[in-house]
Amino acid sequence: MDQIKIGKFIAELRKQKKLTQEQLAEKLGITKNAVSKWERGLGLMDLSLLKPLSEILGVSVTEILNGEKIDEEIDLKSEEILIDTLDYSVKEIEKVKKNKFLIILLTIIITIFSIILLDTIQAVAFKNSPIISWRVEDVNDSDSYVDKGFLIDTYYCVKEQDIVTVIPTFKNTNYSCPSE
């Protein structure tokens, strides 16, 4: 396909219909800059715009893609097949866009859960606080505190400014620091 030839053809047809680039763009639901790009041969329209553009300009999709009017009668069946193919392509592109969004969303969710799981594993394995945690003072024992994580809590028993015991436990496990 010759983009420059197609662009000149679109500009010629637009002018014959006494439309400005802005008016054509408005009818297609796009910007006038997009129409300008097509007419200068700097790009082609989205597949979903071929049929509406052909209807506005009063030519077939085949003629737009050829960049010229076809004198002989166009085989209507070929035009119908071309339009069906374009419609199918647009639908498939939309499916891919939808699937792409779902894959990105799933990747984000898996990443968040992986971080929480790895954080929990490192807390249990190295007997320390989860990286993603918040500190809560133990109301029953002023010398103790708990680092609350998503899946695990780490209890710290403090005696005379020194940490005596570090106990990582899973949520909802009650723990009391041992008395002397």
N, C-alpha and C. Protein backbone atom coordinates (compact mmCIF):
# COMPACT_ATOMS: atom_id res chain seq x y z
N MET A 1 0.84 -1.18 0.00
CA MET A 1 0.00 0.00 0.00
C MET A 1 0.88 1.24 0.00
N ASP A 2 0.51 2.17 -0.81
CA ASP A 2 1.24 3.43 -0.94
C ASP A 2 0.54 4.48 -0.07
N GLN A 3 1.11 4.79 1.09
CA GLN A 3 0.49 5.71 2.03
C GLN A 3 0.30 7.10 1.43
N ILE A 4 1.27 7.56 0.67
CA ILE A 4 1.17 8.89 0.07
C ILE A 4 0.02 8.95 -0.93
N LYS A 5 -0.08 7.91 -1.76
CA LYS A 5 -1.16 7.83 -2.76
C LYS A 5 -2.53 7.79 -2.06
N ILE A 6 -2.62 6.97 -1.01
CA ILE A 6 -3.87 6.86 -0.25
C ILE A 6 -4.21 8.22 0.38
N GLY A 7 -3.20 8.87 0.96
CA GLY A 7 -3.42 10.16 1.60
C GLY A 7 -3.92 11.22 0.63
N LYS A 8 -3.31 11.29 -0.56
CA LYS A 8 -3.75 12.26 -1.58
C LYS A 8 -5.18 11.95 -2.03
N PHE A 9 -5.49 10.66 -2.13
CA PHE A 9 -6.83 10.24 -2.54
C PHE A 9 -7.86 10.67 -1.50
N ILE A 10 -7.56 10.46 -0.23
CA ILE A 10 -8.47 10.85 0.84
C ILE A 10 -8.67 12.36 0.83
N ALA A 11 -7.57 13.12 0.69
CA ALA A 11 -7.67 14.59 0.66
C ALA A 11 -8.54 15.05 -0.52
N GLU A 12 -8.34 14.43 -1.67
CA GLU A 12 -9.11 14.79 -2.87
C GLU A 12 -10.60 14.52 -2.65
N LEU A 13 -10.93 13.35 -2.11
CA LEU A 13 -12.33 13.00 -1.87
C LEU A 13 -12.96 13.90 -0.81
N ARG A 14 -12.18 14.21 0.22
CA ARG A 14 -12.67 15.09 1.29
C ARG A 14 -13.02 16.46 0.72
N LYS A 15 -12.14 16.99 -0.11
CA LYS A 15 -12.37 18.31 -0.71
C LYS A 15 -13.57 18.28 -1.66
N GLN A 16 -13.74 17.18 -2.40
CA GLN A 16 -14.90 17.04 -3.28
C GLN A 16 -16.20 17.07 -2.49
N LYS A 17 -16.16 16.52 -1.28
CA LYS A 17 -17.34 16.50 -0.40
C LYS A 17 -17.49 17.81 0.37
N LYS A 18 -16.55 18.77 0.11
CA LYS A 18 -16.53 20.08 0.77
C LYS A 18 -16.47 19.94 2.29
N LEU A 19 -15.61 19.03 2.75
CA LEU A 19 -15.39 18.81 4.18
C LEU A 19 -14.00 19.33 4.55
N THR A 20 -13.89 19.91 5.72
CA THR A 20 -12.56 20.26 6.23
C THR A 20 -12.00 19.02 6.93
N GLN A 21 -10.72 19.08 7.22
CA GLN A 21 -10.12 17.96 7.97
C GLN A 21 -10.81 17.83 9.32
N GLU A 22 -11.12 18.96 9.91
CA GLU A 22 -11.76 18.95 11.23
C GLU A 22 -13.16 18.31 11.16
N GLN A 23 -13.93 18.63 10.12
CA GLN A 23 -15.27 18.05 9.97
C GLN A 23 -15.20 16.54 9.73
N LEU A 24 -14.26 16.12 8.90
CA LEU A 24 -14.09 14.68 8.66
C LEU A 24 -13.69 13.97 9.95
N ALA A 25 -12.76 14.58 10.66
CA ALA A 25 -12.30 14.00 11.93
C ALA A 25 -13.45 13.88 12.92
N GLU A 26 -14.28 14.90 12.99
CA GLU A 26 -15.41 14.88 13.92
C GLU A 26 -16.38 13.75 13.58
N LYS A 27 -16.65 13.56 12.28
CA LYS A 27 -17.55 12.48 11.85
C LYS A 27 -16.99 11.11 12.21
N LEU A 28 -15.66 10.99 12.22
CA LEU A 28 -15.01 9.70 12.52
C LEU A 28 -14.68 9.55 14.01
N GLY A 29 -14.84 10.62 14.77
CA GLY A 29 -14.54 10.57 16.21
C GLY A 29 -13.05 10.54 16.51
N ILE A 30 -12.28 11.25 15.68
CA ILE A 30 -10.83 11.31 15.87
C ILE A 30 -10.38 12.77 15.82
N THR A 31 -9.08 13.01 15.90
CA THR A 31 -8.56 14.37 15.85
C THR A 31 -8.27 14.77 14.41
N LYS A 32 -8.26 16.09 14.17
CA LYS A 32 -7.94 16.57 12.82
C LYS A 32 -6.48 16.29 12.50
N ASN A 33 -5.64 16.16 13.52
CA ASN A 33 -4.23 15.82 13.30
C ASN A 33 -4.08 14.44 12.67
N ALA A 34 -4.95 13.52 13.06
CA ALA A 34 -4.91 12.16 12.48
C ALA A 34 -5.23 12.23 10.98
N VAL A 35 -6.26 13.00 10.63
CA VAL A 35 -6.63 13.14 9.22
C VAL A 35 -5.48 13.78 8.45
N SER A 36 -4.87 14.78 9.06
CA SER A 36 -3.72 15.46 8.42
C SER A 36 -2.58 14.48 8.16
N LYS A 37 -2.30 13.61 9.13
CA LYS A 37 -1.24 12.60 8.95
C LYS A 37 -1.54 11.68 7.78
N TRP A 38 -2.79 11.23 7.68
CA TRP A 38 -3.16 10.34 6.58
C TRP A 38 -2.93 11.04 5.25
N GLU A 39 -3.43 12.28 5.18
CA GLU A 39 -3.38 13.01 3.90
C GLU A 39 -1.94 13.34 3.48
N ARG A 40 -1.04 13.44 4.44
CA ARG A 40 0.37 13.70 4.12
C ARG A 40 1.13 12.40 3.91
N GLY A 41 0.46 11.26 4.08
CA GLY A 41 1.11 9.97 3.86
C GLY A 41 2.02 9.55 5.00
N LEU A 42 1.78 10.10 6.19
CA LEU A 42 2.63 9.79 7.35
C LEU A 42 2.09 8.63 8.17
N GLY A 43 0.95 8.11 7.80
CA GLY A 43 0.39 7.00 8.54
C GLY A 43 -0.94 6.60 7.93
N LEU A 44 -1.44 5.47 8.35
CA LEU A 44 -2.74 4.99 7.88
C LEU A 44 -3.72 4.94 9.04
N MET A 45 -4.99 4.98 8.69
CA MET A 45 -6.04 4.95 9.69
C MET A 45 -6.12 3.58 10.36
N ASP A 46 -6.73 3.57 11.52
CA ASP A 46 -7.03 2.33 12.23
C ASP A 46 -7.99 1.52 11.36
N LEU A 47 -7.86 0.21 11.40
CA LEU A 47 -8.72 -0.66 10.60
C LEU A 47 -10.21 -0.40 10.84
N SER A 48 -10.55 -0.08 12.08
CA SER A 48 -11.96 0.13 12.41
C SER A 48 -12.54 1.37 11.74
N LEU A 49 -11.68 2.25 11.20
CA LEU A 49 -12.16 3.48 10.56
C LEU A 49 -12.34 3.34 9.05
N LEU A 50 -11.86 2.26 8.46
CA LEU A 50 -11.93 2.11 7.00
C LEU A 50 -13.37 2.13 6.48
N LYS A 51 -14.24 1.37 7.07
CA LYS A 51 -15.62 1.29 6.60
C LYS A 51 -16.34 2.64 6.77
N PRO A 52 -16.30 3.26 7.98
CA PRO A 52 -16.95 4.57 8.11
C PRO A 52 -16.36 5.62 7.18
N LEU A 53 -15.05 5.59 6.98
CA LEU A 53 -14.41 6.55 6.09
C LEU A 53 -14.89 6.35 4.66
N SER A 54 -14.99 5.08 4.23
CA SER A 54 -15.46 4.82 2.87
C SER A 54 -16.90 5.30 2.68
N GLU A 55 -17.71 5.14 3.70
CA GLU A 55 -19.11 5.59 3.62
C GLU A 55 -19.19 7.11 3.55
N ILE A 56 -18.40 7.81 4.34
CA ILE A 56 -18.41 9.28 4.34
C ILE A 56 -17.92 9.82 3.00
N LEU A 57 -16.87 9.20 2.47
CA LEU A 57 -16.28 9.70 1.23
C LEU A 57 -16.98 9.17 -0.02
N GLY A 58 -17.87 8.20 0.14
CA GLY A 58 -18.65 7.68 -0.97
C GLY A 58 -17.86 6.79 -1.92
N VAL A 59 -16.90 6.05 -1.38
CA VAL A 59 -16.12 5.10 -2.18
C VAL A 59 -16.06 3.78 -1.43
N SER A 60 -15.52 2.77 -2.07
CA SER A 60 -15.39 1.46 -1.41
C SER A 60 -14.11 1.42 -0.59
N VAL A 61 -14.07 0.47 0.31
CA VAL A 61 -12.86 0.24 1.11
C VAL A 61 -11.70 -0.12 0.19
N THR A 62 -12.01 -0.92 -0.82
CA THR A 62 -10.97 -1.33 -1.78
C THR A 62 -10.36 -0.12 -2.47
N GLU A 63 -11.21 0.84 -2.86
CA GLU A 63 -10.71 2.04 -3.52
C GLU A 63 -9.82 2.87 -2.58
N ILE A 64 -10.21 2.96 -1.31
CA ILE A 64 -9.36 3.69 -0.35
C ILE A 64 -8.00 3.01 -0.25
N LEU A 65 -8.00 1.69 -0.11
CA LEU A 65 -6.74 0.97 0.04
C LEU A 65 -5.88 1.02 -1.23
N ASN A 66 -6.53 1.16 -2.39
CA ASN A 66 -5.78 1.30 -3.65
C ASN A 66 -5.32 2.73 -3.87
N GLY A 67 -6.00 3.68 -3.23
CA GLY A 67 -5.65 5.08 -3.41
C GLY A 67 -6.15 5.66 -4.71
N GLU A 68 -7.16 5.02 -5.30
CA GLU A 68 -7.72 5.51 -6.56
C GLU A 68 -9.08 4.88 -6.79
N LYS A 69 -9.88 5.58 -7.61
CA LYS A 69 -11.18 5.02 -7.98
C LYS A 69 -10.97 3.90 -8.98
N ILE A 70 -11.80 2.92 -8.87
CA ILE A 70 -11.72 1.79 -9.79
C ILE A 70 -12.86 1.95 -10.78
N ASP A 71 -12.51 2.06 -12.06
CA ASP A 71 -13.51 2.32 -13.10
C ASP A 71 -14.46 1.16 -13.29
N GLU A 72 -13.89 -0.05 -13.35
CA GLU A 72 -14.77 -1.19 -13.56
C GLU A 72 -15.56 -1.48 -12.29
N GLU A 73 -16.69 -2.12 -12.49
CA GLU A 73 -17.56 -2.40 -11.35
C GLU A 73 -16.85 -3.34 -10.37
N ILE A 74 -16.90 -2.96 -9.12
CA ILE A 74 -16.25 -3.76 -8.08
C ILE A 74 -17.09 -4.99 -7.79
N ASP A 75 -16.41 -6.08 -7.67
CA ASP A 75 -17.08 -7.32 -7.30
C ASP A 75 -17.58 -7.15 -5.87
N LEU A 76 -18.90 -7.05 -5.71
CA LEU A 76 -19.50 -6.78 -4.40
C LEU A 76 -19.16 -7.86 -3.38
N LYS A 77 -19.02 -9.08 -3.83
CA LYS A 77 -18.68 -10.17 -2.91
C LYS A 77 -17.29 -9.95 -2.32
N SER A 78 -16.33 -9.49 -3.15
CA SER A 78 -14.97 -9.22 -2.67
C SER A 78 -14.98 -8.11 -1.63
N GLU A 79 -15.78 -7.08 -1.90
CA GLU A 79 -15.89 -5.96 -0.96
C GLU A 79 -16.48 -6.44 0.36
N GLU A 80 -17.50 -7.28 0.28
CA GLU A 80 -18.14 -7.81 1.48
C GLU A 80 -17.15 -8.65 2.29
N ILE A 81 -16.37 -9.48 1.60
CA ILE A 81 -15.37 -10.31 2.29
C ILE A 81 -14.32 -9.43 2.95
N LEU A 82 -13.89 -8.38 2.25
CA LEU A 82 -12.90 -7.46 2.81
C LEU A 82 -13.43 -6.79 4.07
N ILE A 83 -14.66 -6.32 4.03
CA ILE A 83 -15.26 -5.66 5.20
C ILE A 83 -15.42 -6.64 6.34
N ASP A 84 -15.86 -7.86 6.05
CA ASP A 84 -15.98 -8.89 7.09
C ASP A 84 -14.62 -9.18 7.73
N THR A 85 -13.59 -9.23 6.89
CA THR A 85 -12.23 -9.48 7.40
C THR A 85 -11.78 -8.34 8.30
N LEU A 86 -12.07 -7.12 7.89
CA LEU A 86 -11.71 -5.96 8.71
C LEU A 86 -12.45 -5.98 10.05
N ASP A 87 -13.76 -6.29 10.01
CA ASP A 87 -14.54 -6.37 11.24
C ASP A 87 -13.98 -7.44 12.18
N TYR A 88 -13.63 -8.59 11.61
CA TYR A 88 -13.05 -9.67 12.40
C TYR A 88 -11.72 -9.23 13.02
N SER A 89 -10.90 -8.54 12.24
CA SER A 89 -9.60 -8.07 12.74
C SER A 89 -9.78 -7.10 13.90
N VAL A 90 -10.72 -6.20 13.77
CA VAL A 90 -10.99 -5.23 14.84
C VAL A 90 -11.43 -5.96 16.11
N LYS A 91 -12.30 -6.96 15.97
CA LYS A 91 -12.77 -7.72 17.13
C LYS A 91 -11.60 -8.47 17.79
N GLU A 92 -10.75 -9.06 16.98
CA GLU A 92 -9.60 -9.79 17.52
C GLU A 92 -8.64 -8.84 18.25
N ILE A 93 -8.43 -7.67 17.70
CA ILE A 93 -7.56 -6.67 18.35
C ILE A 93 -8.15 -6.28 19.70
N GLU A 94 -9.46 -6.11 19.78
CA GLU A 94 -10.11 -5.77 21.04
C GLU A 94 -9.93 -6.90 22.06
N LYS A 95 -10.03 -8.15 21.61
CA LYS A 95 -9.82 -9.29 22.51
C LYS A 95 -8.40 -9.26 23.07
N VAL A 96 -7.44 -8.99 22.20
CA VAL A 96 -6.04 -8.95 22.64
C VAL A 96 -5.85 -7.85 23.67
N LYS A 97 -6.46 -6.68 23.42
CA LYS A 97 -6.34 -5.57 24.38
C LYS A 97 -6.95 -5.96 25.73
N LYS A 98 -8.11 -6.64 25.69
CA LYS A 98 -8.77 -7.06 26.92
C LYS A 98 -7.89 -8.08 27.66
N ASN A 99 -7.37 -9.07 26.91
CA ASN A 99 -6.52 -10.09 27.52
C ASN A 99 -5.25 -9.47 28.09
N LYS A 100 -4.69 -8.49 27.40
CA LYS A 100 -3.49 -7.82 27.86
C LYS A 100 -3.74 -7.16 29.22
N PHE A 101 -4.90 -6.52 29.37
CA PHE A 101 -5.26 -5.88 30.63
C PHE A 101 -5.36 -6.93 31.75
N LEU A 102 -6.02 -8.05 31.45
CA LEU A 102 -6.17 -9.11 32.46
C LEU A 102 -4.82 -9.70 32.86
N ILE A 103 -3.93 -9.87 31.90
CA ILE A 103 -2.60 -10.41 32.19
C ILE A 103 -1.82 -9.45 33.08
N ILE A 104 -1.90 -8.17 32.78
CA ILE A 104 -1.20 -7.17 33.60
C ILE A 104 -1.76 -7.17 35.02
N LEU A 105 -3.09 -7.19 35.15
CA LEU A 105 -3.73 -7.20 36.46
C LEU A 105 -3.34 -8.45 37.24
N LEU A 106 -3.36 -9.61 36.60
CA LEU A 106 -2.98 -10.86 37.26
C LEU A 106 -1.52 -10.83 37.68
N THR A 107 -0.66 -10.28 36.85
CA THR A 107 0.77 -10.17 37.18
C THR A 107 0.97 -9.30 38.42
N ILE A 108 0.25 -8.21 38.51
CA ILE A 108 0.36 -7.33 39.68
C ILE A 108 -0.09 -8.06 40.94
N ILE A 109 -1.21 -8.76 40.86
CA ILE A 109 -1.73 -9.49 42.03
C ILE A 109 -0.75 -10.58 42.46
N ILE A 110 -0.23 -11.35 41.52
CA ILE A 110 0.72 -12.41 41.84
C ILE A 110 1.99 -11.82 42.46
N THR A 111 2.45 -10.70 41.93
CA THR A 111 3.65 -10.05 42.46
C THR A 111 3.44 -9.62 43.91
N ILE A 112 2.29 -9.03 44.20
CA ILE A 112 2.01 -8.59 45.58
C ILE A 112 1.98 -9.79 46.53
N PHE A 113 1.29 -10.86 46.14
CA PHE A 113 1.23 -12.05 47.00
C PHE A 113 2.60 -12.70 47.14
N SER A 114 3.40 -12.68 46.10
CA SER A 114 4.76 -13.24 46.18
C SER A 114 5.61 -12.47 47.16
N ILE A 115 5.51 -11.15 47.12
CA ILE A 115 6.28 -10.31 48.05
C ILE A 115 5.88 -10.62 49.48
N ILE A 116 4.58 -10.72 49.72
CA ILE A 116 4.10 -11.03 51.08
C ILE A 116 4.58 -12.41 51.52
N LEU A 117 4.50 -13.39 50.63
CA LEU A 117 4.94 -14.75 50.96
C LEU A 117 6.44 -14.80 51.23
N LEU A 118 7.23 -14.19 50.36
CA LEU A 118 8.69 -14.17 50.58
C LEU A 118 9.05 -13.44 51.86
N ASP A 119 8.33 -12.38 52.16
CA ASP A 119 8.55 -11.63 53.39
C ASP A 119 8.28 -12.52 54.61
N THR A 120 7.22 -13.31 54.52
CA THR A 120 6.87 -14.21 55.61
C THR A 120 7.94 -15.30 55.77
N ILE A 121 8.38 -15.86 54.67
CA ILE A 121 9.39 -16.92 54.71
C ILE A 121 10.68 -16.41 55.33
N GLN A 122 11.12 -15.22 54.90
CA GLN A 122 12.37 -14.68 55.47
C GLN A 122 12.21 -14.38 56.96
N ALA A 123 11.02 -13.98 57.39
CA ALA A 123 10.80 -13.69 58.81
C ALA A 123 10.90 -14.97 59.64
N VAL A 124 10.32 -16.05 59.14
CA VAL A 124 10.36 -17.32 59.87
C VAL A 124 11.77 -17.91 59.82
N ALA A 125 12.39 -17.89 58.66
CA ALA A 125 13.70 -18.52 58.49
C ALA A 125 14.79 -17.82 59.30
N PHE A 126 14.75 -16.49 59.35
CA PHE A 126 15.82 -15.75 60.03
C PHE A 126 15.39 -15.20 61.37
N LYS A 127 14.21 -15.60 61.82
CA LYS A 127 13.67 -15.18 63.11
C LYS A 127 13.79 -13.67 63.29
N ASN A 128 13.21 -12.95 62.35
CA ASN A 128 13.15 -11.49 62.48
C ASN A 128 11.80 -11.00 62.00
N SER A 129 11.62 -9.69 62.00
CA SER A 129 10.33 -9.11 61.63
C SER A 129 10.12 -9.17 60.12
N PRO A 130 8.88 -9.31 59.72
CA PRO A 130 8.61 -9.16 58.30
C PRO A 130 9.00 -7.74 57.85
N ILE A 131 9.48 -7.61 56.64
CA ILE A 131 9.86 -6.29 56.15
C ILE A 131 8.63 -5.40 56.07
N ILE A 132 7.52 -5.97 55.64
CA ILE A 132 6.27 -5.22 55.56
C ILE A 132 5.53 -5.46 56.88
N SER A 133 5.75 -4.58 57.84
CA SER A 133 5.14 -4.78 59.15
C SER A 133 4.98 -3.43 59.85
N TRP A 134 4.26 -3.45 60.96
CA TRP A 134 4.10 -2.28 61.80
C TRP A 134 4.22 -2.72 63.24
N ARG A 135 4.82 -1.85 64.05
CA ARG A 135 5.14 -2.19 65.44
C ARG A 135 3.99 -1.83 66.37
N VAL A 136 3.68 -2.77 67.28
CA VAL A 136 2.63 -2.56 68.28
C VAL A 136 3.23 -2.89 69.64
N GLU A 137 3.07 -1.97 70.59
CA GLU A 137 3.56 -2.22 71.94
C GLU A 137 2.64 -3.24 72.61
N ASP A 138 3.20 -4.13 73.40
CA ASP A 138 2.42 -5.14 74.13
C ASP A 138 1.82 -4.46 75.36
N VAL A 139 0.50 -4.40 75.44
CA VAL A 139 -0.15 -3.71 76.56
C VAL A 139 0.02 -4.46 77.88
N ASN A 140 0.19 -5.78 77.80
CA ASN A 140 0.34 -6.58 79.02
C ASN A 140 1.76 -6.52 79.58
N ASP A 141 2.71 -6.23 78.74
CA ASP A 141 4.11 -6.27 79.17
C ASP A 141 4.83 -5.08 78.55
N SER A 142 5.17 -4.11 79.35
CA SER A 142 5.77 -2.88 78.83
C SER A 142 7.16 -3.12 78.23
N ASP A 143 7.76 -4.27 78.53
CA ASP A 143 9.08 -4.56 77.99
C ASP A 143 9.02 -5.36 76.68
N SER A 144 7.84 -5.51 76.12
CA SER A 144 7.71 -6.33 74.91
C SER A 144 6.97 -5.54 73.83
N TYR A 145 7.18 -5.98 72.60
CA TYR A 145 6.45 -5.40 71.47
C TYR A 145 6.29 -6.46 70.39
N VAL A 146 5.40 -6.16 69.48
CA VAL A 146 5.10 -7.09 68.39
C VAL A 146 5.19 -6.33 67.08
N ASP A 147 5.89 -6.93 66.10
CA ASP A 147 5.86 -6.41 64.74
C ASP A 147 4.80 -7.19 63.99
N LYS A 148 3.72 -6.51 63.62
CA LYS A 148 2.60 -7.14 62.94
C LYS A 148 2.86 -7.14 61.43
N GLY A 149 2.80 -8.30 60.82
CA GLY A 149 2.94 -8.42 59.36
C GLY A 149 1.63 -8.89 58.77
N PHE A 150 1.61 -9.15 57.47
CA PHE A 150 0.38 -9.61 56.81
C PHE A 150 0.03 -11.03 57.24
N LEU A 151 1.02 -11.93 57.23
CA LEU A 151 0.76 -13.33 57.55
C LEU A 151 1.40 -13.76 58.86
N ILE A 152 2.30 -13.00 59.36
CA ILE A 152 3.08 -13.42 60.52
C ILE A 152 3.30 -12.25 61.45
N ASP A 153 3.32 -12.53 62.76
CA ASP A 153 3.66 -11.54 63.77
C ASP A 153 4.95 -11.99 64.44
N THR A 154 5.80 -11.05 64.75
CA THR A 154 7.04 -11.39 65.42
C THR A 154 7.03 -10.74 66.81
N TYR A 155 7.15 -11.58 67.83
CA TYR A 155 7.13 -11.10 69.21
C TYR A 155 8.56 -10.88 69.68
N TYR A 156 8.80 -9.74 70.30
CA TYR A 156 10.11 -9.43 70.87
C TYR A 156 9.94 -9.30 72.36
N CYS A 157 10.71 -10.08 73.09
CA CYS A 157 10.71 -9.99 74.55
C CYS A 157 11.98 -9.23 74.95
N VAL A 158 11.81 -8.13 75.63
CA VAL A 158 12.94 -7.28 75.97
C VAL A 158 13.13 -7.28 77.49
N LYS A 159 14.34 -7.52 77.91
CA LYS A 159 14.70 -7.48 79.34
C LYS A 159 15.91 -6.58 79.48
N GLU A 160 15.74 -5.55 80.24
CA GLU A 160 16.83 -4.60 80.52
C GLU A 160 17.52 -4.14 79.23
N GLN A 161 16.75 -3.60 78.32
CA GLN A 161 17.26 -3.01 77.08
C GLN A 161 17.81 -4.03 76.07
N ASP A 162 17.85 -5.31 76.38
CA ASP A 162 18.33 -6.33 75.44
C ASP A 162 17.16 -7.19 74.99
N ILE A 163 17.18 -7.54 73.72
CA ILE A 163 16.15 -8.44 73.21
C ILE A 163 16.57 -9.85 73.60
N VAL A 164 15.71 -10.49 74.38
CA VAL A 164 16.02 -11.82 74.88
C VAL A 164 15.49 -12.89 73.95
N THR A 165 14.25 -12.71 73.45
CA THR A 165 13.61 -13.74 72.65
C THR A 165 12.94 -13.09 71.43
N VAL A 166 13.12 -13.71 70.28
CA VAL A 166 12.41 -13.28 69.06
C VAL A 166 11.64 -14.49 68.56
N ILE A 167 10.33 -14.35 68.52
CA ILE A 167 9.48 -15.48 68.14
C ILE A 167 8.56 -15.07 66.97
N PRO A 168 8.85 -15.54 65.74
CA PRO A 168 7.89 -15.31 64.66
C PRO A 168 6.76 -16.33 64.78
N THR A 169 5.51 -15.86 64.74
CA THR A 169 4.36 -16.76 64.80
C THR A 169 3.34 -16.34 63.74
N PHE A 170 2.58 -17.32 63.32
CA PHE A 170 1.54 -16.99 62.35
C PHE A 170 0.43 -16.22 63.05
N LYS A 171 -0.35 -15.53 62.28
CA LYS A 171 -1.42 -14.68 62.80
C LYS A 171 -2.30 -15.43 63.79
N ASN A 172 -2.87 -14.67 64.70
CA ASN A 172 -3.82 -15.15 65.70
C ASN A 172 -3.23 -16.19 66.64
N THR A 173 -1.91 -16.17 66.82
CA THR A 173 -1.28 -17.03 67.80
C THR A 173 -0.92 -16.15 68.99
N ASN A 174 -1.40 -16.52 70.15
CA ASN A 174 -1.08 -15.72 71.33
C ASN A 174 0.26 -16.16 71.88
N TYR A 175 1.07 -15.19 72.26
CA TYR A 175 2.36 -15.50 72.82
C TYR A 175 2.63 -14.56 73.96
N SER A 176 3.17 -15.10 75.02
CA SER A 176 3.55 -14.26 76.16
C SER A 176 5.04 -14.48 76.38
N CYS A 177 5.73 -13.40 76.69
CA CYS A 177 7.16 -13.52 76.97
C CYS A 177 7.35 -14.30 78.25
N PRO A 178 8.37 -15.15 78.26
CA PRO A 178 8.61 -15.93 79.48
C PRO A 178 9.07 -15.00 80.61
N SER A 179 8.61 -15.32 81.80
CA SER A 179 9.06 -14.52 82.94
C SER A 179 10.46 -15.04 83.34
N GLU A 180 11.20 -14.21 83.99
CA GLU A 180 12.59 -14.50 84.36
C GLU A 180 12.75 -15.94 84.56
